[in-house]
Amino acid sequence: MRLLFVATLALVSAAAAAAQAPSQTGQQTPAQIREAKGKALVAKWAGSYDTDGFLNDPEIGPALKQLLGAEYDHLIVNLNVKGSVDLIGGTLVVSGNAPHGGTEEEAVVCVYPIGPAIQAAILSKGTITAYAPGATYDTTSICIRDWITQVNSKHIDRFEQPKNVRVVKRP
């Protein structure tokens, strides 16, 4: 039994190494190409204030438009007031709100760079609509879920210290 386990482990390890190693011709594997493109997206956009450029990047824009369909323009309006492209937990994130629409009309775009995999969400008229690969909440990313938590709390924890939070000043 142990020999079978060791042999299986060796085969799995060899397959994983082969998937990551350059091919015999010296070319990169598809996984290496995806990883390199993902790293390039992070290097190009993380911390950038060119959020319009980010949303229209050839790796992001077309997929985002396809994901949202007729709601794409609504998303753009709800991202009118925004900050930079943030890198949070390995995900490129742009969030914002419509002019004078904070806590009422908001949106977020989350781009996991390797793929890239794109998700978005819109808050409008008290309802949050998430755009994800599946039709269930468990197909949404942690990026979308964290944003939903902030929106549902009306961002209050960003401005008022929660009762269960203690801040300690060190000398």
Protein backbone atom coordinates (compact mmCIF):
# COMPACT_ATOMS: atom_id res chain seq x y z
CA MET A 1 0.00 0.00 0.00
CA ARG A 2 2.80 2.39 0.93
CA LEU A 3 4.63 1.62 -2.31
CA LEU A 4 1.47 2.43 -4.28
CA PHE A 5 1.14 5.75 -2.41
CA VAL A 6 4.81 6.65 -3.08
CA ALA A 7 4.48 5.72 -6.76
CA THR A 8 1.30 7.78 -7.11
CA LEU A 9 2.93 10.73 -5.37
CA ALA A 10 5.93 10.48 -7.70
CA LEU A 11 3.67 10.44 -10.77
CA VAL A 12 1.68 13.45 -9.55
CA SER A 13 4.89 15.35 -8.77
CA ALA A 14 6.34 14.54 -12.18
CA ALA A 15 3.14 15.66 -13.91
CA ALA A 16 3.11 18.92 -11.97
CA ALA A 17 6.77 19.56 -12.78
CA ALA A 18 6.17 18.81 -16.45
CA ALA A 19 3.26 21.27 -16.51
CA GLN A 20 5.53 24.00 -15.11
CA ALA A 21 8.73 23.20 -17.03
CA PRO A 22 9.49 24.58 -20.49
CA SER A 23 8.74 22.16 -23.30
CA GLN A 24 11.49 20.26 -25.12
CA THR A 25 11.66 23.07 -27.69
CA GLY A 26 12.42 25.63 -24.95
CA GLN A 27 9.02 27.29 -25.26
CA GLN A 28 6.91 28.15 -22.24
CA THR A 29 4.01 25.93 -21.27
CA PRO A 30 0.46 27.36 -21.31
CA ALA A 31 0.55 27.60 -17.48
CA GLN A 32 3.80 29.59 -17.62
CA ILE A 33 2.37 31.91 -20.27
CA ARG A 34 -0.76 32.57 -18.14
CA GLU A 35 1.41 33.23 -15.09
CA ALA A 36 3.67 35.63 -17.02
CA LYS A 37 0.65 37.52 -18.38
CA GLY A 38 -0.81 37.71 -14.87
CA LYS A 39 2.42 39.10 -13.44
CA ALA A 40 2.53 41.65 -16.27
CA LEU A 41 -1.03 42.78 -15.44
CA VAL A 42 -0.09 43.25 -11.78
CA ALA A 43 3.11 45.12 -12.67
CA LYS A 44 1.25 47.37 -15.09
CA TRP A 45 -1.87 48.18 -13.07
CA ALA A 46 -1.36 47.72 -9.31
CA GLY A 47 -1.39 51.19 -7.74
CA SER A 48 -2.25 52.91 -11.03
CA TYR A 49 -4.78 55.73 -11.11
CA ASP A 50 -5.46 55.05 -14.79
CA THR A 51 -8.55 53.04 -13.91
CA ASP A 52 -10.15 53.71 -17.28
CA GLY A 53 -7.09 52.21 -18.95
CA PHE A 54 -7.32 49.23 -16.61
CA LEU A 55 -11.00 48.65 -17.37
CA ASN A 56 -10.25 48.89 -21.10
CA ASP A 57 -7.10 46.75 -21.07
CA PRO A 58 -7.31 44.17 -23.90
CA GLU A 59 -7.06 41.36 -21.32
CA ILE A 60 -9.87 42.83 -19.18
CA GLY A 61 -12.23 45.12 -21.13
CA PRO A 62 -13.76 42.66 -23.60
CA ALA A 63 -14.33 40.02 -20.91
CA LEU A 64 -15.82 42.61 -18.56
CA LYS A 65 -18.22 43.83 -21.25
CA GLN A 66 -19.25 40.26 -22.03
CA LEU A 67 -19.73 39.46 -18.33
CA LEU A 68 -22.00 42.47 -17.71
CA GLY A 69 -23.79 42.74 -21.04
CA ALA A 70 -26.37 45.54 -20.94
CA GLU A 71 -25.33 46.46 -17.37
CA TYR A 72 -21.80 47.48 -18.43
CA ASP A 73 -22.72 51.18 -18.75
CA HIS A 74 -24.38 51.05 -15.31
CA LEU A 75 -21.16 49.65 -13.86
CA ILE A 76 -19.11 52.45 -15.45
CA VAL A 77 -21.46 55.13 -14.05
CA ASN A 78 -21.22 53.52 -10.61
CA LEU A 79 -17.41 53.59 -10.86
CA ASN A 80 -17.28 57.30 -11.70
CA VAL A 81 -15.79 58.26 -8.32
CA LYS A 82 -12.95 55.85 -7.62
CA GLY A 83 -9.39 55.56 -6.38
CA SER A 84 -6.52 53.55 -7.75
CA VAL A 85 -6.33 49.97 -8.94
CA ASP A 86 -5.66 48.14 -5.69
CA LEU A 87 -3.91 44.81 -5.24
CA ILE A 88 -5.77 42.96 -2.48
CA GLY A 89 -5.00 39.33 -1.76
CA GLY A 90 -3.56 38.82 -5.23
CA THR A 91 -6.59 40.37 -6.94
CA LEU A 92 -6.62 43.65 -8.86
CA VAL A 93 -9.60 45.66 -7.59
CA VAL A 94 -11.36 48.86 -8.63
CA SER A 95 -14.31 50.06 -6.58
CA GLY A 96 -16.24 53.28 -6.49
CA ASN A 97 -19.59 54.97 -6.65
CA ALA A 98 -21.70 57.18 -8.88
CA PRO A 99 -21.30 60.94 -8.30
CA HIS A 100 -22.95 61.70 -4.93
CA GLY A 101 -24.05 58.04 -4.87
CA GLY A 102 -21.97 56.53 -2.07
CA THR A 103 -23.94 53.85 -0.17
CA GLU A 104 -26.63 54.00 -2.88
CA GLU A 105 -25.03 53.44 -6.29
CA GLU A 106 -21.69 51.63 -6.12
CA ALA A 107 -19.70 49.03 -8.04
CA VAL A 108 -16.59 46.87 -7.93
CA VAL A 109 -14.48 45.00 -10.49
CA CYS A 110 -12.23 42.17 -9.29
CA VAL A 111 -9.59 40.73 -11.63
CA TYR A 112 -7.65 37.66 -10.61
CA PRO A 113 -4.63 38.17 -12.89
CA ILE A 114 -3.89 34.56 -13.81
CA GLY A 115 -6.45 33.75 -16.43
CA PRO A 116 -7.51 36.49 -16.07
CA ALA A 117 -10.71 35.71 -14.18
CA ILE A 118 -13.05 38.68 -13.88
CA GLN A 119 -15.99 39.30 -11.56
CA ALA A 120 -17.99 42.43 -10.83
CA ALA A 121 -20.85 43.64 -8.66
CA ILE A 122 -23.24 46.58 -8.70
CA LEU A 123 -25.21 48.10 -5.84
CA SER A 124 -28.29 49.87 -7.13
CA LYS A 125 -31.56 50.78 -5.43
CA GLY A 126 -30.70 48.67 -2.38
CA THR A 127 -29.89 45.50 -4.34
CA ILE A 128 -26.45 44.06 -5.01
CA THR A 129 -26.06 42.11 -8.24
CA ALA A 130 -22.91 40.01 -8.53
CA TYR A 131 -21.59 38.90 -11.91
CA ALA A 132 -19.66 35.66 -11.49
CA PRO A 133 -19.01 32.41 -13.40
CA GLY A 134 -21.90 30.61 -11.72
CA ALA A 135 -25.38 31.52 -10.58
CA THR A 136 -24.76 30.89 -6.88
CA TYR A 137 -23.14 32.94 -4.13
CA ASP A 138 -20.43 30.34 -3.62
CA THR A 139 -19.08 31.08 -7.12
CA THR A 140 -18.31 34.66 -6.14
CA SER A 141 -14.75 35.49 -5.13
CA ILE A 142 -13.66 36.67 -1.69
CA CYS A 143 -13.07 40.04 -3.36
CA ILE A 144 -16.76 40.32 -4.23
CA ARG A 145 -17.86 39.01 -0.83
CA ASP A 146 -15.64 41.46 1.07
CA TRP A 147 -17.02 44.32 -1.00
CA ILE A 148 -20.58 43.14 -0.31
CA THR A 149 -19.78 43.17 3.43
CA GLN A 150 -18.55 46.77 3.21
CA VAL A 151 -21.53 47.89 1.14
CA ASN A 152 -24.05 46.20 3.43
CA SER A 153 -22.49 47.96 6.43
CA LYS A 154 -22.65 51.27 4.53
CA HIS A 155 -18.85 51.42 5.07
CA ILE A 156 -19.42 52.44 8.71
CA ASP A 157 -16.44 50.42 9.99
CA ARG A 158 -14.16 52.55 7.86
CA PHE A 159 -15.15 55.63 9.84
CA GLU A 160 -16.25 54.47 13.28
CA GLN A 161 -14.38 52.05 15.47
CA PRO A 162 -16.40 48.88 15.99
CA LYS A 163 -17.17 48.03 19.62
CA ASN A 164 -15.16 44.81 19.46
CA VAL A 165 -11.97 46.47 18.11
CA ARG A 166 -9.15 47.57 20.37
CA VAL A 167 -6.30 49.79 19.11
CA VAL A 168 -3.01 49.70 21.00
CA LYS A 169 -0.30 52.32 20.67
CA ARG A 170 3.17 50.85 21.08
CA PRO A 171 6.01 53.03 22.49
